[in-house]
Amino acid sequence: MSLLGNAIWLIFGGIWIALHYLIAGLLLCLTIIGIPFGLQVIKMAELSLWPFGKDIVDHGRGTGCLNVFMNILWFFLGGIWIALHHLFWALVLGITVVGIPFALQHVKLAGLALFPFGKEIR
């Protein structure tokens, strides 16, 4: 099921989402200050390429207040807008029964977009 879901996701826009995230991540990595944020955007590109069958978990490593600070900075500098974008598409896709699995993947991406630091994709 996840192979079919990923194939349909990829054909109907997943490749474009992943490509945009990858380009944005690489552009952020051009500056030293942007590298941590660029790595998180590349993490979102990985999840947006093949979202079915993957989960987002806290990796539980004790980096503590650095993750909290970076997540707060991320949230206000763009994470909220990315999450709202994914939630919009989740609402649009959730209207039909066929679109519900894809809406759930957008909700998963929205959760990662809000606070990506300290998260791991499995």
N, C-alpha and C. Protein backbone atom coordinates (compact mmCIF):
# COMPACT_ATOMS: atom_id res chain seq x y z
N MET A 1 0.81 -1.20 0.00
CA MET A 1 0.00 0.00 0.00
C MET A 1 0.86 1.26 0.00
N SER A 2 1.96 1.24 0.77
CA SER A 2 2.78 2.44 0.82
C SER A 2 3.48 2.69 -0.52
N LEU A 3 3.80 1.63 -1.27
CA LEU A 3 4.42 1.82 -2.58
C LEU A 3 3.45 2.50 -3.53
N LEU A 4 2.20 2.04 -3.52
CA LEU A 4 1.19 2.65 -4.39
C LEU A 4 0.91 4.09 -3.96
N GLY A 5 0.78 4.32 -2.66
CA GLY A 5 0.55 5.68 -2.16
C GLY A 5 1.70 6.61 -2.51
N ASN A 6 2.94 6.13 -2.35
CA ASN A 6 4.10 6.96 -2.69
C ASN A 6 4.16 7.25 -4.18
N ALA A 7 3.80 6.27 -5.02
CA ALA A 7 3.83 6.47 -6.47
C ALA A 7 2.79 7.52 -6.87
N ILE A 8 1.59 7.42 -6.33
CA ILE A 8 0.55 8.40 -6.65
C ILE A 8 0.95 9.78 -6.13
N TRP A 9 1.47 9.82 -4.90
CA TRP A 9 1.93 11.08 -4.30
C TRP A 9 2.99 11.73 -5.18
N LEU A 10 3.94 10.93 -5.64
CA LEU A 10 5.04 11.44 -6.45
C LEU A 10 4.54 12.00 -7.78
N ILE A 11 3.61 11.30 -8.41
CA ILE A 11 3.10 11.74 -9.70
C ILE A 11 2.29 13.02 -9.58
N PHE A 12 1.48 13.13 -8.54
CA PHE A 12 0.58 14.27 -8.41
C PHE A 12 1.10 15.37 -7.50
N GLY A 13 2.38 15.63 -7.53
CA GLY A 13 2.90 16.81 -6.87
C GLY A 13 4.00 16.58 -5.86
N GLY A 14 4.21 15.37 -5.41
CA GLY A 14 5.25 15.12 -4.41
C GLY A 14 6.65 15.44 -4.91
N ILE A 15 6.89 15.19 -6.19
CA ILE A 15 8.20 15.49 -6.75
C ILE A 15 8.46 16.99 -6.73
N TRP A 16 7.42 17.79 -6.97
CA TRP A 16 7.59 19.25 -6.97
C TRP A 16 7.80 19.79 -5.58
N ILE A 17 7.07 19.24 -4.61
CA ILE A 17 7.26 19.66 -3.22
C ILE A 17 8.69 19.35 -2.78
N ALA A 18 9.14 18.12 -3.06
CA ALA A 18 10.49 17.72 -2.67
C ALA A 18 11.55 18.56 -3.38
N LEU A 19 11.33 18.84 -4.64
CA LEU A 19 12.29 19.66 -5.40
C LEU A 19 12.37 21.08 -4.84
N HIS A 20 11.24 21.67 -4.50
CA HIS A 20 11.26 23.01 -3.91
C HIS A 20 11.95 23.02 -2.56
N TYR A 21 11.67 22.01 -1.74
CA TYR A 21 12.34 21.92 -0.45
C TYR A 21 13.84 21.72 -0.63
N LEU A 22 14.23 20.90 -1.58
CA LEU A 22 15.65 20.65 -1.80
C LEU A 22 16.38 21.90 -2.27
N ILE A 23 15.78 22.64 -3.19
CA ILE A 23 16.40 23.88 -3.66
C ILE A 23 16.51 24.89 -2.52
N ALA A 24 15.44 25.03 -1.74
CA ALA A 24 15.47 25.97 -0.61
C ALA A 24 16.51 25.54 0.42
N GLY A 25 16.62 24.24 0.68
CA GLY A 25 17.61 23.75 1.63
C GLY A 25 19.03 24.00 1.17
N LEU A 26 19.27 23.78 -0.12
CA LEU A 26 20.61 24.03 -0.65
C LEU A 26 20.95 25.52 -0.63
N LEU A 27 19.97 26.37 -0.91
CA LEU A 27 20.21 27.82 -0.84
C LEU A 27 20.49 28.26 0.59
N LEU A 28 19.78 27.69 1.54
CA LEU A 28 20.04 28.03 2.93
C LEU A 28 21.43 27.57 3.38
N CYS A 29 21.89 26.46 2.82
CA CYS A 29 23.20 25.93 3.20
C CYS A 29 24.36 26.74 2.63
N LEU A 30 24.08 27.71 1.78
CA LEU A 30 25.15 28.56 1.23
C LEU A 30 25.76 29.47 2.28
N THR A 31 24.99 29.79 3.32
CA THR A 31 25.53 30.64 4.38
C THR A 31 25.78 29.79 5.62
N ILE A 32 26.72 30.20 6.41
CA ILE A 32 27.04 29.45 7.63
C ILE A 32 25.88 29.48 8.61
N ILE A 33 25.22 30.62 8.72
CA ILE A 33 24.10 30.74 9.63
C ILE A 33 22.91 29.89 9.17
N GLY A 34 22.77 29.73 7.87
CA GLY A 34 21.63 29.01 7.32
C GLY A 34 21.78 27.50 7.27
N ILE A 35 22.97 26.98 7.56
CA ILE A 35 23.20 25.54 7.44
C ILE A 35 22.26 24.71 8.32
N PRO A 36 22.08 25.02 9.60
CA PRO A 36 21.16 24.21 10.40
C PRO A 36 19.73 24.23 9.85
N PHE A 37 19.30 25.38 9.36
CA PHE A 37 17.96 25.49 8.80
C PHE A 37 17.87 24.76 7.46
N GLY A 38 18.92 24.85 6.67
CA GLY A 38 18.96 24.14 5.40
C GLY A 38 18.89 22.64 5.58
N LEU A 39 19.56 22.12 6.60
CA LEU A 39 19.49 20.69 6.86
C LEU A 39 18.09 20.25 7.25
N GLN A 40 17.37 21.09 7.96
CA GLN A 40 15.99 20.75 8.33
C GLN A 40 15.08 20.78 7.11
N VAL A 41 15.31 21.71 6.20
CA VAL A 41 14.51 21.78 4.98
C VAL A 41 14.81 20.57 4.10
N ILE A 42 16.05 20.13 4.07
CA ILE A 42 16.40 18.93 3.30
C ILE A 42 15.75 17.70 3.94
N LYS A 43 15.63 17.69 5.26
CA LYS A 43 14.91 16.62 5.95
C LYS A 43 13.44 16.60 5.51
N MET A 44 12.85 17.78 5.36
CA MET A 44 11.47 17.84 4.90
C MET A 44 11.36 17.41 3.44
N ALA A 45 12.39 17.68 2.64
CA ALA A 45 12.40 17.22 1.25
C ALA A 45 12.41 15.70 1.19
N GLU A 46 13.17 15.09 2.08
CA GLU A 46 13.22 13.62 2.12
C GLU A 46 11.85 13.05 2.46
N LEU A 47 11.19 13.62 3.45
CA LEU A 47 9.87 13.13 3.84
C LEU A 47 8.83 13.42 2.77
N SER A 48 8.91 14.56 2.12
CA SER A 48 7.91 14.89 1.11
C SER A 48 8.09 14.10 -0.17
N LEU A 49 9.23 13.46 -0.35
CA LEU A 49 9.43 12.63 -1.53
C LEU A 49 8.73 11.29 -1.38
N TRP A 50 8.85 10.64 -0.23
CA TRP A 50 8.24 9.33 0.03
C TRP A 50 7.58 9.35 1.41
N PRO A 51 6.41 10.00 1.57
CA PRO A 51 5.84 10.15 2.91
C PRO A 51 5.13 8.91 3.46
N PHE A 52 4.60 8.07 2.60
CA PHE A 52 3.85 6.90 3.07
C PHE A 52 4.80 5.87 3.66
N GLY A 53 4.46 5.37 4.82
CA GLY A 53 5.27 4.35 5.48
C GLY A 53 6.39 4.91 6.34
N LYS A 54 6.47 6.22 6.48
CA LYS A 54 7.50 6.83 7.32
C LYS A 54 6.84 7.55 8.49
N ASP A 55 7.55 7.57 9.60
CA ASP A 55 7.06 8.25 10.79
C ASP A 55 8.07 9.30 11.24
N ILE A 56 7.58 10.28 11.97
CA ILE A 56 8.43 11.32 12.55
C ILE A 56 8.49 11.07 14.05
N VAL A 57 9.70 10.92 14.58
CA VAL A 57 9.87 10.67 16.00
C VAL A 57 10.91 11.63 16.57
N ASP A 58 10.79 11.91 17.86
CA ASP A 58 11.84 12.65 18.55
C ASP A 58 13.03 11.72 18.72
N HIS A 59 14.23 12.20 18.37
CA HIS A 59 15.37 11.31 18.49
C HIS A 59 15.87 11.20 19.91
N GLY A 60 15.42 12.07 20.80
CA GLY A 60 15.70 11.93 22.22
C GLY A 60 17.12 12.23 22.65
N ARG A 61 17.93 12.74 21.77
CA ARG A 61 19.28 13.12 22.18
C ARG A 61 19.21 14.40 22.98
N GLY A 62 20.05 14.51 23.97
CA GLY A 62 19.95 15.62 24.91
C GLY A 62 20.63 16.89 24.47
N THR A 63 20.23 17.48 23.34
CA THR A 63 20.81 18.77 22.97
C THR A 63 20.07 19.92 23.64
N GLY A 64 18.94 19.63 24.24
CA GLY A 64 18.26 20.55 25.14
C GLY A 64 17.85 21.87 24.57
N CYS A 65 18.35 22.94 25.18
CA CYS A 65 17.85 24.28 24.88
C CYS A 65 18.24 24.74 23.48
N LEU A 66 19.24 24.17 22.86
CA LEU A 66 19.58 24.55 21.49
C LEU A 66 18.45 24.17 20.54
N ASN A 67 17.90 22.95 20.69
CA ASN A 67 16.77 22.55 19.87
C ASN A 67 15.56 23.45 20.12
N VAL A 68 15.32 23.78 21.37
CA VAL A 68 14.18 24.65 21.70
C VAL A 68 14.36 26.02 21.07
N PHE A 69 15.55 26.60 21.20
CA PHE A 69 15.81 27.92 20.63
C PHE A 69 15.68 27.89 19.11
N MET A 70 16.25 26.88 18.47
CA MET A 70 16.20 26.79 17.01
C MET A 70 14.77 26.56 16.53
N ASN A 71 13.99 25.75 17.26
CA ASN A 71 12.60 25.53 16.88
C ASN A 71 11.78 26.80 17.00
N ILE A 72 12.04 27.60 18.03
CA ILE A 72 11.31 28.87 18.19
C ILE A 72 11.68 29.82 17.06
N LEU A 73 12.96 29.90 16.76
CA LEU A 73 13.42 30.75 15.66
C LEU A 73 12.82 30.29 14.34
N TRP A 74 12.85 28.99 14.10
CA TRP A 74 12.29 28.39 12.89
C TRP A 74 10.80 28.71 12.77
N PHE A 75 10.07 28.55 13.88
CA PHE A 75 8.63 28.76 13.88
C PHE A 75 8.28 30.16 13.41
N PHE A 76 8.97 31.16 13.93
CA PHE A 76 8.64 32.53 13.58
C PHE A 76 9.20 32.98 12.24
N LEU A 77 10.28 32.37 11.78
CA LEU A 77 10.88 32.79 10.51
C LEU A 77 10.29 32.10 9.29
N GLY A 78 9.46 31.11 9.48
CA GLY A 78 8.88 30.49 8.29
C GLY A 78 8.14 29.20 8.52
N GLY A 79 8.38 28.56 9.64
CA GLY A 79 7.74 27.27 9.91
C GLY A 79 6.23 27.34 9.95
N ILE A 80 5.70 28.43 10.49
CA ILE A 80 4.25 28.58 10.58
C ILE A 80 3.63 28.68 9.20
N TRP A 81 4.31 29.36 8.28
CA TRP A 81 3.76 29.51 6.93
C TRP A 81 3.81 28.21 6.15
N ILE A 82 4.88 27.46 6.33
CA ILE A 82 4.98 26.16 5.67
C ILE A 82 3.91 25.23 6.22
N ALA A 83 3.72 25.23 7.52
CA ALA A 83 2.71 24.37 8.14
C ALA A 83 1.31 24.75 7.69
N LEU A 84 1.02 26.04 7.62
CA LEU A 84 -0.29 26.48 7.15
C LEU A 84 -0.53 26.08 5.70
N HIS A 85 0.50 26.12 4.89
CA HIS A 85 0.39 25.69 3.50
C HIS A 85 0.02 24.21 3.43
N HIS A 86 0.70 23.38 4.22
CA HIS A 86 0.38 21.95 4.23
C HIS A 86 -1.01 21.69 4.82
N LEU A 87 -1.41 22.45 5.81
CA LEU A 87 -2.75 22.28 6.38
C LEU A 87 -3.84 22.69 5.39
N PHE A 88 -3.57 23.71 4.60
CA PHE A 88 -4.52 24.09 3.54
C PHE A 88 -4.73 22.94 2.58
N TRP A 89 -3.62 22.34 2.12
CA TRP A 89 -3.75 21.23 1.18
C TRP A 89 -4.37 20.00 1.84
N ALA A 90 -4.16 19.83 3.12
CA ALA A 90 -4.80 18.73 3.84
C ALA A 90 -6.32 18.93 3.85
N LEU A 91 -6.77 20.16 4.07
CA LEU A 91 -8.20 20.44 4.04
C LEU A 91 -8.79 20.23 2.65
N VAL A 92 -8.07 20.68 1.64
CA VAL A 92 -8.55 20.51 0.26
C VAL A 92 -8.63 19.03 -0.10
N LEU A 93 -7.60 18.27 0.22
CA LEU A 93 -7.59 16.85 -0.12
C LEU A 93 -8.52 16.04 0.76
N GLY A 94 -8.78 16.49 1.97
CA GLY A 94 -9.64 15.76 2.88
C GLY A 94 -11.11 15.83 2.53
N ILE A 95 -11.48 16.62 1.55
CA ILE A 95 -12.89 16.73 1.14
C ILE A 95 -13.37 15.41 0.55
N THR A 96 -12.54 14.75 -0.22
CA THR A 96 -12.94 13.50 -0.85
C THR A 96 -12.38 12.31 -0.08
N VAL A 97 -13.02 11.19 -0.22
CA VAL A 97 -12.58 9.97 0.46
C VAL A 97 -11.23 9.51 -0.11
N VAL A 98 -11.04 9.65 -1.39
CA VAL A 98 -9.80 9.23 -2.03
C VAL A 98 -8.63 10.09 -1.56
N GLY A 99 -8.88 11.35 -1.25
CA GLY A 99 -7.82 12.25 -0.87
C GLY A 99 -7.43 12.20 0.59
N ILE A 100 -8.18 11.46 1.43
CA ILE A 100 -7.90 11.44 2.86
C ILE A 100 -6.49 10.92 3.19
N PRO A 101 -6.01 9.83 2.58
CA PRO A 101 -4.63 9.41 2.90
C PRO A 101 -3.58 10.47 2.55
N PHE A 102 -3.82 11.19 1.48
CA PHE A 102 -2.89 12.24 1.08
C PHE A 102 -3.00 13.45 2.01
N ALA A 103 -4.20 13.72 2.50
CA ALA A 103 -4.38 14.79 3.47
C ALA A 103 -3.63 14.46 4.76
N LEU A 104 -3.65 13.21 5.16
CA LEU A 104 -2.93 12.81 6.37
C LEU A 104 -1.42 12.98 6.20
N GLN A 105 -0.92 12.78 5.00
CA GLN A 105 0.51 12.99 4.76
C GLN A 105 0.86 14.48 4.84
N HIS A 106 -0.05 15.33 4.38
CA HIS A 106 0.18 16.77 4.51
C HIS A 106 0.15 17.20 5.97
N VAL A 107 -0.71 16.57 6.77
CA VAL A 107 -0.73 16.88 8.20
C VAL A 107 0.59 16.45 8.84
N LYS A 108 1.13 15.30 8.41
CA LYS A 108 2.43 14.84 8.91
C LYS A 108 3.53 15.85 8.55
N LEU A 109 3.50 16.33 7.32
CA LEU A 109 4.49 17.32 6.89
C LEU A 109 4.32 18.65 7.64
N ALA A 110 3.07 19.01 7.93
CA ALA A 110 2.83 20.24 8.69
C ALA A 110 3.40 20.13 10.10
N GLY A 111 3.28 18.97 10.71
CA GLY A 111 3.85 18.77 12.04
C GLY A 111 5.36 18.90 12.04
N LEU A 112 5.99 18.36 11.00
CA LEU A 112 7.44 18.49 10.89
C LEU A 112 7.83 19.93 10.58
N ALA A 113 7.01 20.62 9.80
CA ALA A 113 7.33 22.00 9.42
C ALA A 113 7.25 22.96 10.60
N LEU A 114 6.44 22.65 11.60
CA LEU A 114 6.35 23.54 12.75
C LEU A 114 7.61 23.52 13.61
N PHE A 115 8.06 22.34 13.97
CA PHE A 115 9.21 22.19 14.87
C PHE A 115 10.10 21.06 14.38
N PRO A 116 10.98 21.28 13.39
CA PRO A 116 11.77 20.20 12.82
C PRO A 116 13.02 19.80 13.62
N PHE A 117 13.52 20.70 14.45
CA PHE A 117 14.75 20.38 15.18
C PHE A 117 14.46 19.35 16.26
N GLY A 118 15.30 18.33 16.32
CA GLY A 118 15.11 17.27 17.29
C GLY A 118 14.23 16.14 16.81
N LYS A 119 13.80 16.20 15.54
CA LYS A 119 12.96 15.16 14.97
C LYS A 119 13.78 14.28 14.03
N GLU A 120 13.34 13.06 13.91
CA GLU A 120 14.00 12.10 13.02
C GLU A 120 12.94 11.39 12.20
N ILE A 121 13.26 11.09 10.95
CA ILE A 121 12.34 10.39 10.07
C ILE A 121 12.73 8.92 10.02
N ARG A 122 11.77 8.07 10.32
CA ARG A 122 12.02 6.62 10.27
C ARG A 122 11.05 5.97 9.33
